Amino acid sequence: MLANVMITLRKDISSLTLKLNEQERIAESFRYHREIAKPFGKLDDVLSWCKTELRGDWRWRLIEVSTDQRPGIYLFYFDSERDCCAFTLKWE
């Protein structure tokens, strides 16, 4: 099972670093990405699906916090074209 995702900004190169299970990767190292908007409280459904359905390495980051009045914006990163396509079909 995947651990919590932690997002950090590396000051030395001003590049987003995504950290999961102590493995760091810069966002630009992923081949594919998709942005989605989800209402307050619905991100857990997306993350649960990703944990069970995706085969390759993936990460996500928060772009804009959700509220009860507007959805949150999230950016998902994928190594696999298959995973990116499956995610797009399911969540966009």
PDB file of N, CA and C in Angstrom:
ATOM      1  N   MET A   1       0.841  -1.173   0.000  1.00  0.00           N
ATOM      2  CA  MET A   1       0.000   0.000   0.000  1.00  0.00           C
ATOM      3  C   MET A   1       0.892   1.243   0.000  1.00  0.00           C
ATOM      4  N   LEU A   2       0.485   2.259  -0.692  1.00  0.00           N
ATOM      5  CA  LEU A   2       1.277   3.476  -0.812  1.00  0.00           C
ATOM      6  C   LEU A   2       1.135   4.349   0.428  1.00  0.00           C
ATOM      7  N   ALA A   3       2.206   5.039   0.756  1.00  0.00           N
ATOM      8  CA  ALA A   3       2.207   5.958   1.899  1.00  0.00           C
ATOM      9  C   ALA A   3       1.661   7.316   1.467  1.00  0.00           C
ATOM     10  N   ASN A   4       1.567   8.205   2.407  1.00  0.00           N
ATOM     11  CA  ASN A   4       1.127   9.566   2.094  1.00  0.00           C
ATOM     12  C   ASN A   4       2.096  10.234   1.134  1.00  0.00           C
ATOM     13  N   VAL A   5       1.582  11.106   0.309  1.00  0.00           N
ATOM     14  CA  VAL A   5       2.407  11.847  -0.639  1.00  0.00           C
ATOM     15  C   VAL A   5       2.843  13.148   0.006  1.00  0.00           C
ATOM     16  N   MET A   6       4.128  13.470  -0.131  1.00  0.00           N
ATOM     17  CA  MET A   6       4.636  14.724   0.382  1.00  0.00           C
ATOM     18  C   MET A   6       5.219  15.508  -0.785  1.00  0.00           C
ATOM     19  N   ILE A   7       4.914  16.773  -0.858  1.00  0.00           N
ATOM     20  CA  ILE A   7       5.390  17.622  -1.933  1.00  0.00           C
ATOM     21  C   ILE A   7       6.343  18.651  -1.352  1.00  0.00           C
ATOM     22  N   THR A   8       7.510  18.788  -1.983  1.00  0.00           N
ATOM     23  CA  THR A   8       8.478  19.774  -1.530  1.00  0.00           C
ATOM     24  C   THR A   8       8.969  20.581  -2.718  1.00  0.00           C
ATOM     25  N   LEU A   9       9.472  21.759  -2.439  1.00  0.00           N
ATOM     26  CA  LEU A   9      10.073  22.597  -3.469  1.00  0.00           C
ATOM     27  C   LEU A   9      11.556  22.689  -3.184  1.00  0.00           C
ATOM     28  N   ARG A  10      12.362  22.222  -4.114  1.00  0.00           N
ATOM     29  CA  ARG A  10      13.811  22.267  -3.938  1.00  0.00           C
ATOM     30  C   ARG A  10      14.292  23.656  -4.280  1.00  0.00           C
ATOM     31  N   LYS A  11      14.869  24.330  -3.301  1.00  0.00           N
ATOM     32  CA  LYS A  11      15.305  25.712  -3.479  1.00  0.00           C
ATOM     33  C   LYS A  11      16.496  25.825  -4.424  1.00  0.00           C
ATOM     34  N   ASP A  12      17.338  24.803  -4.444  1.00  0.00           N
ATOM     35  CA  ASP A  12      18.555  24.907  -5.240  1.00  0.00           C
ATOM     36  C   ASP A  12      18.280  24.972  -6.738  1.00  0.00           C
ATOM     37  N   ILE A  13      17.269  24.286  -7.233  1.00  0.00           N
ATOM     38  CA  ILE A  13      16.969  24.331  -8.664  1.00  0.00           C
ATOM     39  C   ILE A  13      15.538  24.794  -8.931  1.00  0.00           C
ATOM     40  N   SER A  14      14.805  25.191  -7.896  1.00  0.00           N
ATOM     41  CA  SER A  14      13.420  25.654  -8.020  1.00  0.00           C
ATOM     42  C   SER A  14      12.567  24.689  -8.822  1.00  0.00           C
ATOM     43  N   SER A  15      12.724  23.422  -8.560  1.00  0.00           N
ATOM     44  CA  SER A  15      11.977  22.398  -9.269  1.00  0.00           C
ATOM     45  C   SER A  15      11.132  21.612  -8.273  1.00  0.00           C
ATOM     46  N   LEU A  16       9.928  21.290  -8.677  1.00  0.00           N
ATOM     47  CA  LEU A  16       9.036  20.524  -7.826  1.00  0.00           C
ATOM     48  C   LEU A  16       9.565  19.111  -7.653  1.00  0.00           C
ATOM     49  N   THR A  17       9.655  18.673  -6.429  1.00  0.00           N
ATOM     50  CA  THR A  17      10.060  17.307  -6.142  1.00  0.00           C
ATOM     51  C   THR A  17       8.889  16.598  -5.480  1.00  0.00           C
ATOM     52  N   LEU A  18       8.524  15.463  -6.005  1.00  0.00           N
ATOM     53  CA  LEU A  18       7.439  14.680  -5.453  1.00  0.00           C
ATOM     54  C   LEU A  18       8.047  13.506  -4.693  1.00  0.00           C
ATOM     55  N   LYS A  19       7.617  13.304  -3.460  1.00  0.00           N
ATOM     56  CA  LYS A  19       8.216  12.287  -2.621  1.00  0.00           C
ATOM     57  C   LYS A  19       7.142  11.280  -2.206  1.00  0.00           C
ATOM     58  N   LEU A  20       7.419  10.025  -2.425  1.00  0.00           N
ATOM     59  CA  LEU A  20       6.492   8.959  -2.060  1.00  0.00           C
ATOM     60  C   LEU A  20       7.325   7.767  -1.618  1.00  0.00           C
ATOM     61  N   ASN A  21       7.072   7.258  -0.420  1.00  0.00           N
ATOM     62  CA  ASN A  21       7.830   6.127   0.111  1.00  0.00           C
ATOM     63  C   ASN A  21       9.330   6.382   0.053  1.00  0.00           C
ATOM     64  N   GLU A  22       9.736   7.607   0.384  1.00  0.00           N
ATOM     65  CA  GLU A  22      11.138   8.006   0.437  1.00  0.00           C
ATOM     66  C   GLU A  22      11.821   8.019  -0.931  1.00  0.00           C
ATOM     67  N   GLN A  23      11.077   7.921  -2.010  1.00  0.00           N
ATOM     68  CA  GLN A  23      11.648   8.009  -3.349  1.00  0.00           C
ATOM     69  C   GLN A  23      11.289   9.362  -3.934  1.00  0.00           C
ATOM     70  N   GLU A  24      12.302  10.175  -4.208  1.00  0.00           N
ATOM     71  CA  GLU A  24      12.068  11.509  -4.748  1.00  0.00           C
ATOM     72  C   GLU A  24      12.180  11.502  -6.262  1.00  0.00           C
ATOM     73  N   ARG A  25      11.326  12.296  -6.905  1.00  0.00           N
ATOM     74  CA  ARG A  25      11.382  12.483  -8.351  1.00  0.00           C
ATOM     75  C   ARG A  25      10.922  13.885  -8.661  1.00  0.00           C
ATOM     76  N   ILE A  26      11.549  14.504  -9.627  1.00  0.00           N
ATOM     77  CA  ILE A  26      11.061  15.801 -10.059  1.00  0.00           C
ATOM     78  C   ILE A  26       9.904  15.579 -11.026  1.00  0.00           C
ATOM     79  N   ALA A  27       8.972  16.510 -11.031  1.00  0.00           N
ATOM     80  CA  ALA A  27       7.772  16.375 -11.852  1.00  0.00           C
ATOM     81  C   ALA A  27       8.112  16.175 -13.321  1.00  0.00           C
ATOM     82  N   GLU A  28       9.148  16.841 -13.789  1.00  0.00           N
ATOM     83  CA  GLU A  28       9.523  16.749 -15.199  1.00  0.00           C
ATOM     84  C   GLU A  28      10.029  15.367 -15.602  1.00  0.00           C
ATOM     85  N   SER A  29      10.311  14.495 -14.637  1.00  0.00           N
ATOM     86  CA  SER A  29      10.810  13.161 -14.958  1.00  0.00           C
ATOM     87  C   SER A  29       9.697  12.205 -15.386  1.00  0.00           C
ATOM     88  N   PHE A  30       8.445  12.584 -15.168  1.00  0.00           N
ATOM     89  CA  PHE A  30       7.326  11.755 -15.598  1.00  0.00           C
ATOM     90  C   PHE A  30       6.971  12.075 -17.048  1.00  0.00           C
ATOM     91  N   ARG A  31       6.618  11.068 -17.806  1.00  0.00           N
ATOM     92  CA  ARG A  31       6.316  11.258 -19.224  1.00  0.00           C
ATOM     93  C   ARG A  31       4.926  11.846 -19.461  1.00  0.00           C
ATOM     94  N   TYR A  32       3.979  11.599 -18.570  1.00  0.00           N
ATOM     95  CA  TYR A  32       2.589  12.006 -18.781  1.00  0.00           C
ATOM     96  C   TYR A  32       2.052  12.715 -17.544  1.00  0.00           C
ATOM     97  N   HIS A  33       1.087  13.596 -17.753  1.00  0.00           N
ATOM     98  CA  HIS A  33       0.411  14.237 -16.630  1.00  0.00           C
ATOM     99  C   HIS A  33      -1.012  14.629 -17.044  1.00  0.00           C
ATOM    100  N   ARG A  34      -1.883  14.688 -16.055  1.00  0.00           N
ATOM    101  CA  ARG A  34      -3.275  15.095 -16.264  1.00  0.00           C
ATOM    102  C   ARG A  34      -3.727  15.933 -15.075  1.00  0.00           C
ATOM    103  N   GLU A  35      -4.465  16.982 -15.372  1.00  0.00           N
ATOM    104  CA  GLU A  35      -5.041  17.837 -14.337  1.00  0.00           C
ATOM    105  C   GLU A  35      -6.520  17.509 -14.218  1.00  0.00           C
ATOM    106  N   ILE A  36      -6.998  17.391 -12.973  1.00  0.00           N
ATOM    107  CA  ILE A  36      -8.418  17.137 -12.746  1.00  0.00           C
ATOM    108  C   ILE A  36      -8.937  18.089 -11.669  1.00  0.00           C
ATOM    109  N   ALA A  37     -10.240  18.296 -11.680  1.00  0.00           N
ATOM    110  CA  ALA A  37     -10.930  19.071 -10.642  1.00  0.00           C
ATOM    111  C   ALA A  37     -11.899  18.123  -9.942  1.00  0.00           C
ATOM    112  N   LYS A  38     -11.860  18.095  -8.634  1.00  0.00           N
ATOM    113  CA  LYS A  38     -12.750  17.232  -7.855  1.00  0.00           C
ATOM    114  C   LYS A  38     -13.346  18.019  -6.700  1.00  0.00           C
ATOM    115  N   PRO A  39     -14.631  17.774  -6.418  1.00  0.00           N
ATOM    116  CA  PRO A  39     -15.280  18.460  -5.298  1.00  0.00           C
ATOM    117  C   PRO A  39     -14.664  18.072  -3.957  1.00  0.00           C
ATOM    118  N   PHE A  40     -14.939  18.886  -2.965  1.00  0.00           N
ATOM    119  CA  PHE A  40     -14.481  18.639  -1.606  1.00  0.00           C
ATOM    120  C   PHE A  40     -14.836  17.215  -1.179  1.00  0.00           C
ATOM    121  N   GLY A  41     -13.853  16.469  -0.674  1.00  0.00           N
ATOM    122  CA  GLY A  41     -14.089  15.131  -0.152  1.00  0.00           C
ATOM    123  C   GLY A  41     -14.010  14.005  -1.166  1.00  0.00           C
ATOM    124  N   LYS A  42     -13.777  14.293  -2.432  1.00  0.00           N
ATOM    125  CA  LYS A  42     -13.769  13.258  -3.469  1.00  0.00           C
ATOM    126  C   LYS A  42     -12.377  12.797  -3.884  1.00  0.00           C
ATOM    127  N   LEU A  43     -11.333  13.459  -3.424  1.00  0.00           N
ATOM    128  CA  LEU A  43      -9.979  13.063  -3.803  1.00  0.00           C
ATOM    129  C   LEU A  43      -9.649  11.657  -3.318  1.00  0.00           C
ATOM    130  N   ASP A  44     -10.156  11.272  -2.161  1.00  0.00           N
ATOM    131  CA  ASP A  44      -9.885   9.936  -1.635  1.00  0.00           C
ATOM    132  C   ASP A  44     -10.340   8.843  -2.593  1.00  0.00           C
ATOM    133  N   ASP A  45     -11.452   9.051  -3.284  1.00  0.00           N
ATOM    134  CA  ASP A  45     -11.925   8.074  -4.268  1.00  0.00           C
ATOM    135  C   ASP A  45     -10.915   7.911  -5.401  1.00  0.00           C
ATOM    136  N   VAL A  46     -10.361   9.018  -5.855  1.00  0.00           N
ATOM    137  CA  VAL A  46      -9.376   8.993  -6.940  1.00  0.00           C
ATOM    138  C   VAL A  46      -8.106   8.286  -6.467  1.00  0.00           C
ATOM    139  N   LEU A  47      -7.622   8.636  -5.293  1.00  0.00           N
ATOM    140  CA  LEU A  47      -6.387   8.027  -4.774  1.00  0.00           C
ATOM    141  C   LEU A  47      -6.554   6.534  -4.531  1.00  0.00           C
ATOM    142  N   SER A  48      -7.698   6.122  -4.006  1.00  0.00           N
ATOM    143  CA  SER A  48      -7.950   4.690  -3.788  1.00  0.00           C
ATOM    144  C   SER A  48      -7.939   3.938  -5.109  1.00  0.00           C
ATOM    145  N   TRP A  49      -8.565   4.524  -6.124  1.00  0.00           N
ATOM    146  CA  TRP A  49      -8.578   3.905  -7.449  1.00  0.00           C
ATOM    147  C   TRP A  49      -7.153   3.789  -7.994  1.00  0.00           C
ATOM    148  N   CYS A  50      -6.383   4.845  -7.877  1.00  0.00           N
ATOM    149  CA  CYS A  50      -4.998   4.835  -8.371  1.00  0.00           C
ATOM    150  C   CYS A  50      -4.176   3.743  -7.692  1.00  0.00           C
ATOM    151  N   LYS A  51      -4.341   3.597  -6.394  1.00  0.00           N
ATOM    152  CA  LYS A  51      -3.569   2.606  -5.640  1.00  0.00           C
ATOM    153  C   LYS A  51      -3.860   1.183  -6.085  1.00  0.00           C
ATOM    154  N   THR A  52      -5.071   0.917  -6.523  1.00  0.00           N
ATOM    155  CA  THR A  52      -5.435  -0.448  -6.920  1.00  0.00           C
ATOM    156  C   THR A  52      -5.328  -0.701  -8.418  1.00  0.00           C
ATOM    157  N   GLU A  53      -5.478   0.310  -9.234  1.00  0.00           N
ATOM    158  CA  GLU A  53      -5.559   0.101 -10.683  1.00  0.00           C
ATOM    159  C   GLU A  53      -4.298   0.450 -11.474  1.00  0.00           C
ATOM    160  N   LEU A  54      -3.496   1.371 -10.991  1.00  0.00           N
ATOM    161  CA  LEU A  54      -2.329   1.784 -11.763  1.00  0.00           C
ATOM    162  C   LEU A  54      -1.179   0.805 -11.576  1.00  0.00           C
ATOM    163  N   ARG A  55      -0.448   0.556 -12.639  1.00  0.00           N
ATOM    164  CA  ARG A  55       0.646  -0.418 -12.611  1.00  0.00           C
ATOM    165  C   ARG A  55       2.014   0.232 -12.471  1.00  0.00           C
ATOM    166  N   GLY A  56       2.199   1.371 -13.105  1.00  0.00           N
ATOM    167  CA  GLY A  56       3.491   2.045 -13.094  1.00  0.00           C
ATOM    168  C   GLY A  56       3.606   3.053 -11.962  1.00  0.00           C
ATOM    169  N   ASP A  57       4.720   3.746 -11.954  1.00  0.00           N
ATOM    170  CA  ASP A  57       4.971   4.779 -10.956  1.00  0.00           C
ATOM    171  C   ASP A  57       4.079   5.996 -11.239  1.00  0.00           C
ATOM    172  N   TRP A  58       3.544   6.601 -10.204  1.00  0.00           N
ATOM    173  CA  TRP A  58       2.687   7.775 -10.341  1.00  0.00           C
ATOM    174  C   TRP A  58       2.799   8.624  -9.095  1.00  0.00           C
ATOM    175  N   ARG A  59       2.441   9.893  -9.247  1.00  0.00           N
ATOM    176  CA  ARG A  59       2.409  10.849  -8.137  1.00  0.00           C
ATOM    177  C   ARG A  59       1.269  11.830  -8.374  1.00  0.00           C
ATOM    178  N   TRP A  60       0.969  12.620  -7.372  1.00  0.00           N
ATOM    179  CA  TRP A  60      -0.020  13.689  -7.539  1.00  0.00           C
ATOM    180  C   TRP A  60       0.417  14.881  -6.714  1.00  0.00           C
ATOM    181  N   ARG A  61      -0.121  16.038  -7.068  1.00  0.00           N
ATOM    182  CA  ARG A  61       0.129  17.237  -6.261  1.00  0.00           C
ATOM    183  C   ARG A  61      -1.099  18.136  -6.292  1.00  0.00           C
ATOM    184  N   LEU A  62      -1.235  18.882  -5.245  1.00  0.00           N
ATOM    185  CA  LEU A  62      -2.329  19.830  -5.085  1.00  0.00           C
ATOM    186  C   LEU A  62      -1.989  21.125  -5.809  1.00  0.00           C
ATOM    187  N   ILE A  63      -2.905  21.590  -6.643  1.00  0.00           N
ATOM    188  CA  ILE A  63      -2.742  22.868  -7.324  1.00  0.00           C
ATOM    189  C   ILE A  63      -3.579  23.929  -6.615  1.00  0.00           C
ATOM    190  N   GLU A  64      -4.840  23.580  -6.327  1.00  0.00           N
ATOM    191  CA  GLU A  64      -5.747  24.512  -5.646  1.00  0.00           C
ATOM    192  C   GLU A  64      -6.619  23.729  -4.670  1.00  0.00           C
ATOM    193  N   VAL A  65      -6.704  24.186  -3.435  1.00  0.00           N
ATOM    194  CA  VAL A  65      -7.467  23.513  -2.381  1.00  0.00           C
ATOM    195  C   VAL A  65      -8.960  23.563  -2.690  1.00  0.00           C
ATOM    196  N   SER A  66      -9.640  22.445  -2.442  1.00  0.00           N
ATOM    197  CA  SER A  66     -11.098  22.415  -2.624  1.00  0.00           C
ATOM    198  C   SER A  66     -11.788  23.052  -1.425  1.00  0.00           C
ATOM    199  N   THR A  67     -12.949  23.591  -1.679  1.00  0.00           N
ATOM    200  CA  THR A  67     -13.811  24.130  -0.620  1.00  0.00           C
ATOM    201  C   THR A  67     -15.205  23.583  -0.845  1.00  0.00           C
ATOM    202  N   ASP A  68     -16.129  23.944   0.028  1.00  0.00           N
ATOM    203  CA  ASP A  68     -17.509  23.506  -0.184  1.00  0.00           C
ATOM    204  C   ASP A  68     -18.164  24.247  -1.341  1.00  0.00           C
ATOM    205  N   GLN A  69     -17.499  25.281  -1.863  1.00  0.00           N
ATOM    206  CA  GLN A  69     -18.065  26.071  -2.953  1.00  0.00           C
ATOM    207  C   GLN A  69     -17.369  25.866  -4.294  1.00  0.00           C
ATOM    208  N   ARG A  70     -16.160  25.299  -4.289  1.00  0.00           N
ATOM    209  CA  ARG A  70     -15.463  25.075  -5.556  1.00  0.00           C
ATOM    210  C   ARG A  70     -14.579  23.831  -5.447  1.00  0.00           C
ATOM    211  N   PRO A  71     -14.382  23.143  -6.565  1.00  0.00           N
ATOM    212  CA  PRO A  71     -13.573  21.916  -6.535  1.00  0.00           C
ATOM    213  C   PRO A  71     -12.091  22.224  -6.375  1.00  0.00           C
ATOM    214  N   GLY A  72     -11.376  21.229  -5.903  1.00  0.00           N
ATOM    215  CA  GLY A  72      -9.929  21.324  -5.839  1.00  0.00           C
ATOM    216  C   GLY A  72      -9.340  20.957  -7.197  1.00  0.00           C
ATOM    217  N   ILE A  73      -8.165  21.469  -7.464  1.00  0.00           N
ATOM    218  CA  ILE A  73      -7.462  21.167  -8.706  1.00  0.00           C
ATOM    219  C   ILE A  73      -6.225  20.344  -8.339  1.00  0.00           C
ATOM    220  N   TYR A  74      -6.052  19.226  -9.029  1.00  0.00           N
ATOM    221  CA  TYR A  74      -4.974  18.288  -8.741  1.00  0.00           C
ATOM    222  C   TYR A  74      -4.266  17.923 -10.035  1.00  0.00           C
ATOM    223  N   LEU A  75      -2.959  17.728  -9.951  1.00  0.00           N
ATOM    224  CA  LEU A  75      -2.169  17.322 -11.099  1.00  0.00           C
ATOM    225  C   LEU A  75      -1.596  15.947 -10.801  1.00  0.00           C
ATOM    226  N   PHE A  76      -1.871  14.995 -11.689  1.00  0.00           N
ATOM    227  CA  PHE A  76      -1.390  13.625 -11.543  1.00  0.00           C
ATOM    228  C   PHE A  76      -0.310  13.363 -12.586  1.00  0.00           C
ATOM    229  N   TYR A  77       0.737  12.651 -12.177  1.00  0.00           N
ATOM    230  CA  TYR A  77       1.870  12.335 -13.031  1.00  0.00           C
ATOM    231  C   TYR A  77       1.970  10.820 -13.196  1.00  0.00           C
ATOM    232  N   PHE A  78       2.342  10.379 -14.400  1.00  0.00           N
ATOM    233  CA  PHE A  78       2.415   8.949 -14.705  1.00  0.00           C
ATOM    234  C   PHE A  78       3.650   8.641 -15.536  1.00  0.00           C
ATOM    235  N   ASP A  79       4.218   7.457 -15.326  1.00  0.00           N
ATOM    236  CA  ASP A  79       5.281   6.954 -16.184  1.00  0.00           C
ATOM    237  C   ASP A  79       4.694   6.186 -17.364  1.00  0.00           C
ATOM    238  N   SER A  80       3.569   5.553 -17.135  1.00  0.00           N
ATOM    239  CA  SER A  80       2.984   4.647 -18.114  1.00  0.00           C
ATOM    240  C   SER A  80       1.877   5.313 -18.935  1.00  0.00           C
ATOM    241  N   GLU A  81       1.949   5.134 -20.243  1.00  0.00           N
ATOM    242  CA  GLU A  81       0.876   5.631 -21.115  1.00  0.00           C
ATOM    243  C   GLU A  81      -0.434   4.918 -20.800  1.00  0.00           C
ATOM    244  N   ARG A  82      -0.358   3.635 -20.511  1.00  0.00           N
ATOM    245  CA  ARG A  82      -1.543   2.852 -20.145  1.00  0.00           C
ATOM    246  C   ARG A  82      -2.228   3.445 -18.918  1.00  0.00           C
ATOM    247  N   ASP A  83      -1.433   3.750 -17.888  1.00  0.00           N
ATOM    248  CA  ASP A  83      -1.984   4.325 -16.667  1.00  0.00           C
ATOM    249  C   ASP A  83      -2.603   5.694 -16.929  1.00  0.00           C
ATOM    250  N   CYS A  84      -1.939   6.507 -17.712  1.00  0.00           N
ATOM    251  CA  CYS A  84      -2.448   7.845 -18.026  1.00  0.00           C
ATOM    252  C   CYS A  84      -3.772   7.751 -18.773  1.00  0.00           C
ATOM    253  N   CYS A  85      -3.861   6.839 -19.723  1.00  0.00           N
ATOM    254  CA  CYS A  85      -5.106   6.668 -20.491  1.00  0.00           C
ATOM    255  C   CYS A  85      -6.241   6.158 -19.596  1.00  0.00           C
ATOM    256  N   ALA A  86      -5.937   5.173 -18.763  1.00  0.00           N
ATOM    257  CA  ALA A  86      -6.954   4.628 -17.853  1.00  0.00           C
ATOM    258  C   ALA A  86      -7.450   5.712 -16.904  1.00  0.00           C
ATOM    259  N   PHE A  87      -6.528   6.482 -16.359  1.00  0.00           N
ATOM    260  CA  PHE A  87      -6.887   7.582 -15.458  1.00  0.00           C
ATOM    261  C   PHE A  87      -7.772   8.601 -16.163  1.00  0.00           C
ATOM    262  N   THR A  88      -7.386   8.964 -17.380  1.00  0.00           N
ATOM    263  CA  THR A  88      -8.151   9.948 -18.150  1.00  0.00           C
ATOM    264  C   THR A  88      -9.567   9.457 -18.411  1.00  0.00           C
ATOM    265  N   LEU A  89      -9.703   8.202 -18.815  1.00  0.00           N
ATOM    266  CA  LEU A  89     -11.032   7.639 -19.085  1.00  0.00           C
ATOM    267  C   LEU A  89     -11.893   7.583 -17.821  1.00  0.00           C
ATOM    268  N   LYS A  90     -11.284   7.285 -16.711  1.00  0.00           N
ATOM    269  CA  LYS A  90     -12.030   7.169 -15.454  1.00  0.00           C
ATOM    270  C   LYS A  90     -12.381   8.503 -14.815  1.00  0.00           C
ATOM    271  N   TRP A  91     -11.459   9.475 -14.826  1.00  0.00           N
ATOM    272  CA  TRP A  91     -11.636  10.652 -13.982  1.00  0.00           C
ATOM    273  C   TRP A  91     -11.842  11.981 -14.727  1.00  0.00           C
ATOM    274  N   GLU A  92     -11.678  12.034 -16.024  1.00  0.00           N
ATOM    275  CA  GLU A  92     -11.902  13.304 -16.718  1.00  0.00           C
ATOM    276  C   GLU A  92     -13.261  13.327 -17.368  1.00  0.00           C
TER     277      GLU A  92
END
